[in-house]
Amino acid sequence: MAEKGTLLPVDLELARSDQVVLGLPFVRAYRTGCALPVEVAVRQDGLDAGDFLDLHMMTVYATPRLRVRAGEPLPDRLLRWGVRYADGTKLTTLDERGFPPAGPLLLLSPAGDVMTGTLHSGVRLWLWPLPPPEPFELAVEWPLGGIGLTIVEFDGAAITAAAQRSTPYWP
C-alpha cells in the first residue's frame, strides 16, 4: 500500500564537529517502517581539499563501494550509522542483507545536495520494520568529519503512534 507517512517533528542535532553538523528535523513514520532524513552541513575549515571532497562524496553517494576485509578497521571517511533496541538487537548500515531481507534492517541512501557557502546535503536512513514502542538508540560515527561515536535516544512509542496515523494515497 502506497502511503504518505506521518511527519513527527524532532528537530535534533545528532552530532557536531568543527567541520560537520548532522541534524534531523523530523521522522516520517509509515505503517511498515520509518524514514530519518538527516541533514548534513560540511565546511572546509581546517580540512585539506581531498578530505573535504571525501566528506562531500560520503553524503552524495552515501554507501560507496569500500573494500574492507574482515578484521580490518573501517576507513575514517566512512559515515557509520547504527540502531540498538532495548532488547539488545543491533542494526547498522554496514550489515549484510539478503533479498528479501530476513530481519530488521537499516538502509542508507543519498538525499540531495545544495551549495551555500557551506556544503548542505543529506542522507536518508530507512528503518524497517517500525521500531518497537519503547526507547531505542541511533548511533553515528564519522572520524574524518570529527564525529566520534555519538548516541541519541529516540521515543519508539511516538514513532509507532505516528505510523498509525499514516494514510494511504489511494483508498
Protein backbone atom coordinates (compact mmCIF):
# COMPACT_ATOMS: atom_id res chain seq x y z
CA MET A 1 0.00 0.00 0.00
CA ALA A 2 1.43 3.38 -1.01
CA GLU A 3 1.05 5.85 1.84
CA LYS A 4 2.00 9.41 2.73
CA GLY A 5 3.62 8.73 6.06
CA THR A 6 3.16 10.98 9.09
CA LEU A 7 5.70 13.65 10.00
CA LEU A 8 6.91 13.54 13.58
CA PRO A 9 8.88 16.74 14.35
CA VAL A 10 12.04 16.02 16.36
CA ASP A 11 14.39 18.92 15.47
CA LEU A 12 17.51 17.18 16.80
CA GLU A 13 21.17 17.94 16.37
CA LEU A 14 22.56 14.43 16.14
CA ALA A 15 26.26 15.37 16.16
CA ARG A 16 28.60 18.33 15.63
CA SER A 17 32.29 18.94 15.00
CA ASP A 18 34.34 21.87 13.69
CA GLN A 19 33.60 20.72 10.11
CA VAL A 20 30.30 18.81 10.24
CA VAL A 21 26.79 19.19 11.66
CA LEU A 22 24.27 16.34 11.42
CA GLY A 23 20.65 17.30 12.08
CA LEU A 24 17.32 15.53 11.98
CA PRO A 25 14.30 17.83 11.57
CA PHE A 26 11.67 15.08 11.58
CA VAL A 27 10.93 11.38 11.28
CA ARG A 28 8.46 10.25 8.61
CA ALA A 29 6.59 7.25 10.02
CA TYR A 30 4.89 4.69 7.79
CA ARG A 31 2.96 1.61 8.83
CA THR A 32 5.87 -0.59 7.70
CA GLY A 33 8.91 1.45 8.80
CA CYS A 34 10.25 4.96 9.19
CA ALA A 35 12.49 7.36 7.28
CA LEU A 36 15.03 9.60 9.00
CA PRO A 37 16.11 12.37 6.58
CA VAL A 38 19.41 13.54 8.06
CA GLU A 39 20.63 17.00 7.05
CA VAL A 40 24.40 17.26 6.64
CA ALA A 41 26.31 20.56 6.67
CA VAL A 42 30.04 20.42 5.91
CA ARG A 43 32.60 23.21 5.78
CA GLN A 44 36.22 23.00 4.72
CA ASP A 45 37.56 24.92 7.75
CA GLY A 46 40.88 23.22 8.57
CA LEU A 47 40.45 20.33 6.11
CA ASP A 48 42.59 19.86 3.04
CA ALA A 49 40.78 19.72 -0.31
CA GLY A 50 40.98 15.91 -0.52
CA ASP A 51 39.42 15.33 2.92
CA PHE A 52 36.71 17.91 2.19
CA LEU A 53 35.92 16.12 -1.07
CA ASP A 54 35.78 12.76 0.77
CA LEU A 55 33.25 14.19 3.25
CA HIS A 56 31.13 15.51 0.40
CA MET A 57 31.30 12.23 -1.52
CA MET A 58 30.11 10.27 1.51
CA THR A 59 26.87 12.25 1.50
CA VAL A 60 26.43 12.26 -2.28
CA TYR A 61 26.97 8.52 -2.68
CA ALA A 62 26.05 7.53 0.91
CA THR A 63 27.43 3.98 0.66
CA PRO A 64 30.40 3.90 -1.70
CA ARG A 65 31.85 0.52 -2.50
CA LEU A 66 34.59 0.38 0.10
CA ARG A 67 36.52 -2.84 0.26
CA VAL A 68 37.15 -3.73 3.88
CA ARG A 69 38.42 -7.17 4.72
CA ALA A 70 37.18 -8.94 7.83
CA GLY A 71 39.16 -7.79 10.84
CA GLU A 72 40.43 -4.61 9.17
CA PRO A 73 39.45 -1.25 10.63
CA LEU A 74 36.80 0.78 8.80
CA PRO A 75 38.09 3.74 6.75
CA ASP A 76 37.88 7.08 8.57
CA ARG A 77 35.93 8.62 5.67
CA LEU A 78 33.08 6.14 6.13
CA LEU A 79 29.89 7.64 7.64
CA ARG A 80 28.61 4.93 10.02
CA TRP A 81 25.07 4.55 11.38
CA GLY A 82 23.54 2.06 13.75
CA VAL A 83 20.45 1.36 15.84
CA ARG A 84 20.21 -0.51 19.14
CA TYR A 85 16.89 -1.61 20.58
CA ALA A 86 16.17 -2.15 24.28
CA ASP A 87 16.29 -5.96 23.80
CA GLY A 88 19.89 -5.66 22.56
CA THR A 89 19.15 -6.06 18.83
CA LYS A 90 21.64 -4.04 16.75
CA LEU A 91 21.41 -2.93 13.12
CA THR A 92 23.94 -0.97 11.09
CA THR A 93 24.07 0.45 7.59
CA LEU A 94 27.06 -1.86 7.00
CA ASP A 95 25.19 -5.11 7.75
CA GLU A 96 24.98 -7.72 5.01
CA ARG A 97 21.40 -8.28 3.95
CA GLY A 98 19.74 -10.60 1.51
CA PHE A 99 16.71 -10.04 -0.65
CA PRO A 100 14.09 -10.15 0.58
CA PRO A 101 15.60 -9.24 3.95
CA ALA A 102 15.17 -11.90 6.61
CA GLY A 103 15.01 -9.45 9.51
CA PRO A 104 15.16 -5.82 10.51
CA LEU A 105 17.39 -3.51 8.54
CA LEU A 106 18.80 0.00 8.45
CA LEU A 107 19.41 1.35 4.93
CA LEU A 108 21.33 4.48 3.93
CA SER A 109 20.79 6.46 0.73
CA PRO A 110 21.69 9.95 -0.52
CA ALA A 111 19.06 12.68 -0.20
CA GLY A 112 20.11 15.76 -2.13
CA ASP A 113 22.82 18.36 -2.47
CA VAL A 114 22.93 22.18 -2.32
CA MET A 115 25.89 24.61 -2.21
CA THR A 116 25.55 27.70 0.03
CA GLY A 117 28.94 28.69 1.47
CA THR A 118 28.98 25.52 3.47
CA LEU A 119 28.03 22.32 1.75
CA HIS A 120 24.49 21.24 2.61
CA SER A 121 23.39 17.79 1.63
CA GLY A 122 21.72 14.89 3.28
CA VAL A 123 21.32 11.21 3.71
CA ARG A 124 18.19 9.20 4.31
CA LEU A 125 18.02 6.34 6.76
CA TRP A 126 15.23 3.78 6.31
CA LEU A 127 14.44 1.66 9.38
CA TRP A 128 12.38 -1.48 8.75
CA PRO A 129 10.19 -2.65 10.30
CA LEU A 130 8.93 0.01 12.67
CA PRO A 131 10.90 0.16 15.90
CA PRO A 132 9.27 -1.30 18.99
CA PRO A 133 7.15 1.16 21.00
CA GLU A 134 9.94 1.80 23.53
CA PRO A 135 13.08 3.92 23.63
CA PHE A 136 15.86 2.95 21.21
CA GLU A 137 19.23 4.43 20.25
CA LEU A 138 20.58 5.82 17.00
CA ALA A 139 24.38 5.88 16.77
CA VAL A 140 26.58 7.78 14.32
CA GLU A 141 30.34 7.97 13.87
CA TRP A 142 32.36 9.75 11.17
CA PRO A 143 36.06 10.02 12.11
CA LEU A 144 37.10 12.08 9.07
CA GLY A 145 34.39 14.62 9.92
CA GLY A 146 35.50 14.81 13.54
CA ILE A 147 32.37 12.98 14.75
CA GLY A 148 33.20 10.44 17.44
CA LEU A 149 30.71 7.77 18.39
CA THR A 150 27.55 9.69 19.29
CA ILE A 151 24.34 8.08 20.54
CA VAL A 152 20.91 9.74 20.57
CA GLU A 153 17.83 8.21 22.18
CA PHE A 154 14.51 8.08 20.31
CA ASP A 155 10.97 7.53 21.50
CA GLY A 156 9.82 4.39 19.68
CA ALA A 157 6.29 4.79 21.08
CA ALA A 158 5.94 8.23 19.43
CA ILE A 159 7.14 6.82 16.09
CA THR A 160 4.77 3.84 16.17
CA ALA A 161 1.87 6.11 17.19
CA ALA A 162 2.65 8.43 14.26
CA ALA A 163 2.77 5.42 11.92
CA GLN A 164 -0.78 4.52 12.90
CA ARG A 165 -1.89 7.93 11.58
CA SER A 166 -0.26 7.40 8.17
CA THR A 167 -2.86 7.43 5.40
CA PRO A 168 -2.82 5.75 2.00
CA TYR A 169 -2.57 7.82 -1.16
CA TRP A 170 -5.49 5.87 -2.61
CA PRO A 171 -8.36 4.04 -0.91
